Amino acid sequence: MADMLNELETIIRDRQANPTAGSYTSSLFSAGVNRMAQKVGEVATEVIVAALGQGRPEQVGELADLFYHTLVLMAQLGISLDDVRAELARRHGR
């Protein structure tokens, strides 16, 4: 999964640097940090709903959406997966 997240992070950062017409990712960057944060909140709520009352396919789908929208927000904030990995390692004394 880490490889896919790294690949997705690269694609998202490319869209940030090189906006593409018709790209959902580019549209999120155009909308700004408030909209990105709102989307993360909306999708987080959908994850909760799926966890409490839907099947595994819906749960996996909503969690994938949350990962994606979180990566977009992270790119906007200048935070990388490596930054998050470093923080997790720090918390676990590594």
N, C-alpha and C. Protein backbone atom coordinates (compact mmCIF):
# COMPACT_ATOMS: atom_id res chain seq x y z
N MET A 1 0.81 -1.20 0.00
CA MET A 1 0.00 0.00 0.00
C MET A 1 0.86 1.26 0.00
N ALA A 2 2.00 1.20 0.67
CA ALA A 2 2.87 2.38 0.73
C ALA A 2 3.28 2.83 -0.66
N ASP A 3 3.56 1.87 -1.56
CA ASP A 3 3.95 2.25 -2.92
C ASP A 3 2.83 2.98 -3.63
N MET A 4 1.60 2.50 -3.47
CA MET A 4 0.46 3.16 -4.11
C MET A 4 0.25 4.55 -3.52
N LEU A 5 0.40 4.69 -2.22
CA LEU A 5 0.26 6.02 -1.61
C LEU A 5 1.34 6.97 -2.12
N ASN A 6 2.56 6.46 -2.26
CA ASN A 6 3.64 7.30 -2.80
C ASN A 6 3.33 7.71 -4.23
N GLU A 7 2.82 6.77 -5.02
CA GLU A 7 2.47 7.07 -6.42
C GLU A 7 1.34 8.10 -6.46
N LEU A 8 0.33 7.91 -5.63
CA LEU A 8 -0.77 8.86 -5.58
C LEU A 8 -0.30 10.24 -5.13
N GLU A 9 0.58 10.28 -4.16
CA GLU A 9 1.14 11.56 -3.71
C GLU A 9 1.86 12.26 -4.87
N THR A 10 2.61 11.52 -5.66
CA THR A 10 3.33 12.08 -6.80
C THR A 10 2.35 12.63 -7.84
N ILE A 11 1.31 11.89 -8.13
CA ILE A 11 0.29 12.35 -9.10
C ILE A 11 -0.38 13.62 -8.60
N ILE A 12 -0.75 13.65 -7.32
CA ILE A 12 -1.41 14.82 -6.74
C ILE A 12 -0.49 16.03 -6.80
N ARG A 13 0.77 15.87 -6.46
CA ARG A 13 1.71 17.00 -6.50
C ARG A 13 1.94 17.47 -7.93
N ASP A 14 1.90 16.55 -8.89
CA ASP A 14 2.02 16.95 -10.29
C ASP A 14 0.82 17.78 -10.70
N ARG A 15 -0.38 17.38 -10.29
CA ARG A 15 -1.58 18.16 -10.61
C ARG A 15 -1.53 19.54 -9.94
N GLN A 16 -0.94 19.59 -8.77
CA GLN A 16 -0.80 20.87 -8.08
C GLN A 16 0.12 21.80 -8.88
N ALA A 17 1.23 21.25 -9.36
CA ALA A 17 2.20 22.04 -10.11
C ALA A 17 1.77 22.29 -11.55
N ASN A 18 1.02 21.36 -12.11
CA ASN A 18 0.61 21.43 -13.52
C ASN A 18 -0.89 21.15 -13.63
N PRO A 19 -1.72 22.14 -13.29
CA PRO A 19 -3.17 21.92 -13.34
C PRO A 19 -3.61 21.43 -14.71
N THR A 20 -4.56 20.50 -14.69
CA THR A 20 -5.08 19.90 -15.92
C THR A 20 -6.58 20.15 -15.99
N ALA A 21 -7.03 20.66 -17.13
CA ALA A 21 -8.46 20.91 -17.31
C ALA A 21 -9.23 19.61 -17.16
N GLY A 22 -10.32 19.66 -16.43
CA GLY A 22 -11.15 18.49 -16.24
C GLY A 22 -10.69 17.55 -15.14
N SER A 23 -9.57 17.86 -14.50
CA SER A 23 -9.05 17.02 -13.43
C SER A 23 -9.72 17.39 -12.10
N TYR A 24 -10.28 16.38 -11.43
CA TYR A 24 -10.89 16.62 -10.12
C TYR A 24 -9.85 17.15 -9.14
N THR A 25 -8.66 16.58 -9.18
CA THR A 25 -7.60 17.02 -8.27
C THR A 25 -7.27 18.49 -8.52
N SER A 26 -7.13 18.86 -9.78
CA SER A 26 -6.85 20.27 -10.10
C SER A 26 -7.97 21.17 -9.62
N SER A 27 -9.22 20.69 -9.73
CA SER A 27 -10.34 21.52 -9.28
C SER A 27 -10.30 21.73 -7.76
N LEU A 28 -9.83 20.72 -7.03
CA LEU A 28 -9.70 20.90 -5.58
C LEU A 28 -8.65 21.95 -5.25
N PHE A 29 -7.52 21.91 -5.96
CA PHE A 29 -6.49 22.92 -5.72
C PHE A 29 -7.00 24.32 -6.07
N SER A 30 -7.79 24.42 -7.12
CA SER A 30 -8.37 25.72 -7.49
C SER A 30 -9.34 26.22 -6.43
N ALA A 31 -10.06 25.30 -5.80
CA ALA A 31 -11.06 25.68 -4.80
C ALA A 31 -10.43 26.17 -3.50
N GLY A 32 -9.20 25.71 -3.20
CA GLY A 32 -8.50 26.21 -2.03
C GLY A 32 -8.61 25.31 -0.80
N VAL A 33 -7.87 25.72 0.20
CA VAL A 33 -7.71 24.90 1.41
C VAL A 33 -9.03 24.71 2.17
N ASN A 34 -9.88 25.72 2.18
CA ASN A 34 -11.15 25.57 2.90
C ASN A 34 -11.99 24.45 2.30
N ARG A 35 -12.07 24.41 0.97
CA ARG A 35 -12.85 23.36 0.31
C ARG A 35 -12.20 22.00 0.53
N MET A 36 -10.88 21.95 0.48
CA MET A 36 -10.18 20.68 0.71
C MET A 36 -10.46 20.16 2.11
N ALA A 37 -10.36 21.03 3.08
CA ALA A 37 -10.62 20.62 4.47
C ALA A 37 -12.06 20.18 4.63
N GLN A 38 -12.98 20.87 3.99
CA GLN A 38 -14.39 20.48 4.02
C GLN A 38 -14.59 19.09 3.44
N LYS A 39 -13.92 18.80 2.31
CA LYS A 39 -14.04 17.48 1.69
C LYS A 39 -13.51 16.39 2.61
N VAL A 40 -12.39 16.65 3.29
CA VAL A 40 -11.86 15.66 4.23
C VAL A 40 -12.89 15.39 5.32
N GLY A 41 -13.52 16.43 5.83
CA GLY A 41 -14.54 16.26 6.85
C GLY A 41 -15.74 15.49 6.34
N GLU A 42 -16.20 15.81 5.14
CA GLU A 42 -17.34 15.10 4.56
C GLU A 42 -17.04 13.62 4.39
N VAL A 43 -15.86 13.34 3.83
CA VAL A 43 -15.51 11.95 3.58
C VAL A 43 -15.28 11.20 4.89
N ALA A 44 -14.72 11.88 5.90
CA ALA A 44 -14.55 11.24 7.21
C ALA A 44 -15.90 10.82 7.78
N THR A 45 -16.90 11.66 7.60
CA THR A 45 -18.25 11.32 8.04
C THR A 45 -18.79 10.12 7.26
N GLU A 46 -18.50 10.07 5.97
CA GLU A 46 -18.93 8.93 5.16
C GLU A 46 -18.23 7.65 5.60
N VAL A 47 -16.98 7.76 6.04
CA VAL A 47 -16.27 6.59 6.58
C VAL A 47 -16.99 6.08 7.82
N ILE A 48 -17.39 6.98 8.68
CA ILE A 48 -18.08 6.60 9.91
C ILE A 48 -19.40 5.90 9.58
N VAL A 49 -20.16 6.49 8.67
CA VAL A 49 -21.44 5.89 8.27
C VAL A 49 -21.21 4.50 7.69
N ALA A 50 -20.22 4.36 6.84
CA ALA A 50 -19.92 3.05 6.24
C ALA A 50 -19.49 2.05 7.31
N ALA A 51 -18.68 2.49 8.24
CA ALA A 51 -18.19 1.59 9.29
C ALA A 51 -19.33 1.07 10.16
N LEU A 52 -20.34 1.90 10.38
CA LEU A 52 -21.42 1.54 11.28
C LEU A 52 -22.59 0.82 10.61
N GLY A 53 -22.67 0.88 9.28
CA GLY A 53 -23.86 0.27 8.72
C GLY A 53 -23.77 -0.21 7.29
N GLN A 54 -22.59 -0.21 6.73
CA GLN A 54 -22.48 -0.66 5.35
C GLN A 54 -21.52 -1.83 5.26
N GLY A 55 -21.45 -2.42 4.09
CA GLY A 55 -20.59 -3.57 3.89
C GLY A 55 -19.14 -3.20 3.62
N ARG A 56 -18.33 -4.22 3.59
CA ARG A 56 -16.89 -4.04 3.39
C ARG A 56 -16.55 -3.24 2.11
N PRO A 57 -17.20 -3.52 0.96
CA PRO A 57 -16.84 -2.74 -0.24
C PRO A 57 -17.05 -1.24 -0.05
N GLU A 58 -18.15 -0.86 0.58
CA GLU A 58 -18.40 0.56 0.84
C GLU A 58 -17.39 1.13 1.83
N GLN A 59 -17.06 0.36 2.85
CA GLN A 59 -16.07 0.80 3.84
C GLN A 59 -14.72 1.03 3.18
N VAL A 60 -14.29 0.09 2.37
CA VAL A 60 -13.00 0.22 1.68
C VAL A 60 -13.03 1.42 0.74
N GLY A 61 -14.11 1.59 0.01
CA GLY A 61 -14.23 2.72 -0.91
C GLY A 61 -14.16 4.06 -0.20
N GLU A 62 -14.88 4.18 0.90
CA GLU A 62 -14.87 5.44 1.65
C GLU A 62 -13.49 5.71 2.27
N LEU A 63 -12.85 4.66 2.76
CA LEU A 63 -11.50 4.84 3.31
C LEU A 63 -10.51 5.26 2.22
N ALA A 64 -10.65 4.70 1.03
CA ALA A 64 -9.79 5.11 -0.09
C ALA A 64 -10.03 6.58 -0.41
N ASP A 65 -11.29 7.01 -0.40
CA ASP A 65 -11.60 8.42 -0.64
C ASP A 65 -10.97 9.31 0.42
N LEU A 66 -10.99 8.85 1.67
CA LEU A 66 -10.40 9.63 2.75
C LEU A 66 -8.89 9.76 2.58
N PHE A 67 -8.23 8.66 2.22
CA PHE A 67 -6.79 8.73 1.96
C PHE A 67 -6.50 9.74 0.86
N TYR A 68 -7.24 9.65 -0.24
CA TYR A 68 -7.03 10.55 -1.38
C TYR A 68 -7.21 12.01 -0.97
N HIS A 69 -8.35 12.33 -0.37
CA HIS A 69 -8.61 13.73 -0.01
C HIS A 69 -7.62 14.24 1.03
N THR A 70 -7.18 13.37 1.92
CA THR A 70 -6.17 13.75 2.91
C THR A 70 -4.85 14.07 2.22
N LEU A 71 -4.48 13.27 1.23
CA LEU A 71 -3.24 13.54 0.48
C LEU A 71 -3.31 14.86 -0.27
N VAL A 72 -4.48 15.19 -0.82
CA VAL A 72 -4.64 16.48 -1.51
C VAL A 72 -4.46 17.62 -0.51
N LEU A 73 -5.10 17.51 0.65
CA LEU A 73 -4.96 18.54 1.68
C LEU A 73 -3.52 18.64 2.16
N MET A 74 -2.88 17.51 2.33
CA MET A 74 -1.47 17.52 2.75
C MET A 74 -0.61 18.26 1.74
N ALA A 75 -0.83 18.02 0.45
CA ALA A 75 -0.06 18.70 -0.59
C ALA A 75 -0.26 20.21 -0.50
N GLN A 76 -1.51 20.61 -0.31
CA GLN A 76 -1.81 22.05 -0.19
C GLN A 76 -1.09 22.67 1.01
N LEU A 77 -0.96 21.89 2.08
CA LEU A 77 -0.32 22.39 3.30
C LEU A 77 1.19 22.21 3.29
N GLY A 78 1.72 21.59 2.24
CA GLY A 78 3.16 21.36 2.15
C GLY A 78 3.64 20.24 3.06
N ILE A 79 2.77 19.31 3.35
CA ILE A 79 3.09 18.16 4.22
C ILE A 79 3.17 16.92 3.34
N SER A 80 4.24 16.15 3.50
CA SER A 80 4.43 14.95 2.70
C SER A 80 4.19 13.69 3.52
N LEU A 81 4.08 12.57 2.82
CA LEU A 81 4.00 11.28 3.51
C LEU A 81 5.25 11.06 4.35
N ASP A 82 6.39 11.51 3.86
CA ASP A 82 7.62 11.38 4.65
C ASP A 82 7.52 12.16 5.95
N ASP A 83 6.90 13.33 5.93
CA ASP A 83 6.69 14.11 7.16
C ASP A 83 5.85 13.32 8.16
N VAL A 84 4.79 12.69 7.66
CA VAL A 84 3.91 11.92 8.53
C VAL A 84 4.65 10.69 9.05
N ARG A 85 5.39 10.02 8.17
CA ARG A 85 6.18 8.85 8.62
C ARG A 85 7.16 9.25 9.71
N ALA A 86 7.83 10.38 9.53
CA ALA A 86 8.79 10.85 10.52
C ALA A 86 8.13 11.12 11.86
N GLU A 87 6.94 11.70 11.82
CA GLU A 87 6.21 11.98 13.06
C GLU A 87 5.78 10.69 13.74
N LEU A 88 5.30 9.73 12.96
CA LEU A 88 4.92 8.44 13.54
C LEU A 88 6.14 7.73 14.14
N ALA A 89 7.26 7.80 13.48
CA ALA A 89 8.50 7.18 14.01
C ALA A 89 8.91 7.88 15.30
N ARG A 90 8.81 9.21 15.32
CA ARG A 90 9.16 9.97 16.53
C ARG A 90 8.28 9.54 17.70
N ARG A 91 6.99 9.38 17.43
CA ARG A 91 6.05 9.00 18.49
C ARG A 91 6.33 7.60 19.04
N HIS A 92 6.92 6.78 18.20
CA HIS A 92 7.20 5.41 18.62
C HIS A 92 8.66 5.20 18.95
N GLY A 93 9.37 6.30 19.17
CA GLY A 93 10.74 6.25 19.63
C GLY A 93 11.72 5.65 18.64
N ARG A 94 11.47 5.84 17.36
CA ARG A 94 12.38 5.31 16.34
C ARG A 94 13.17 6.39 15.69
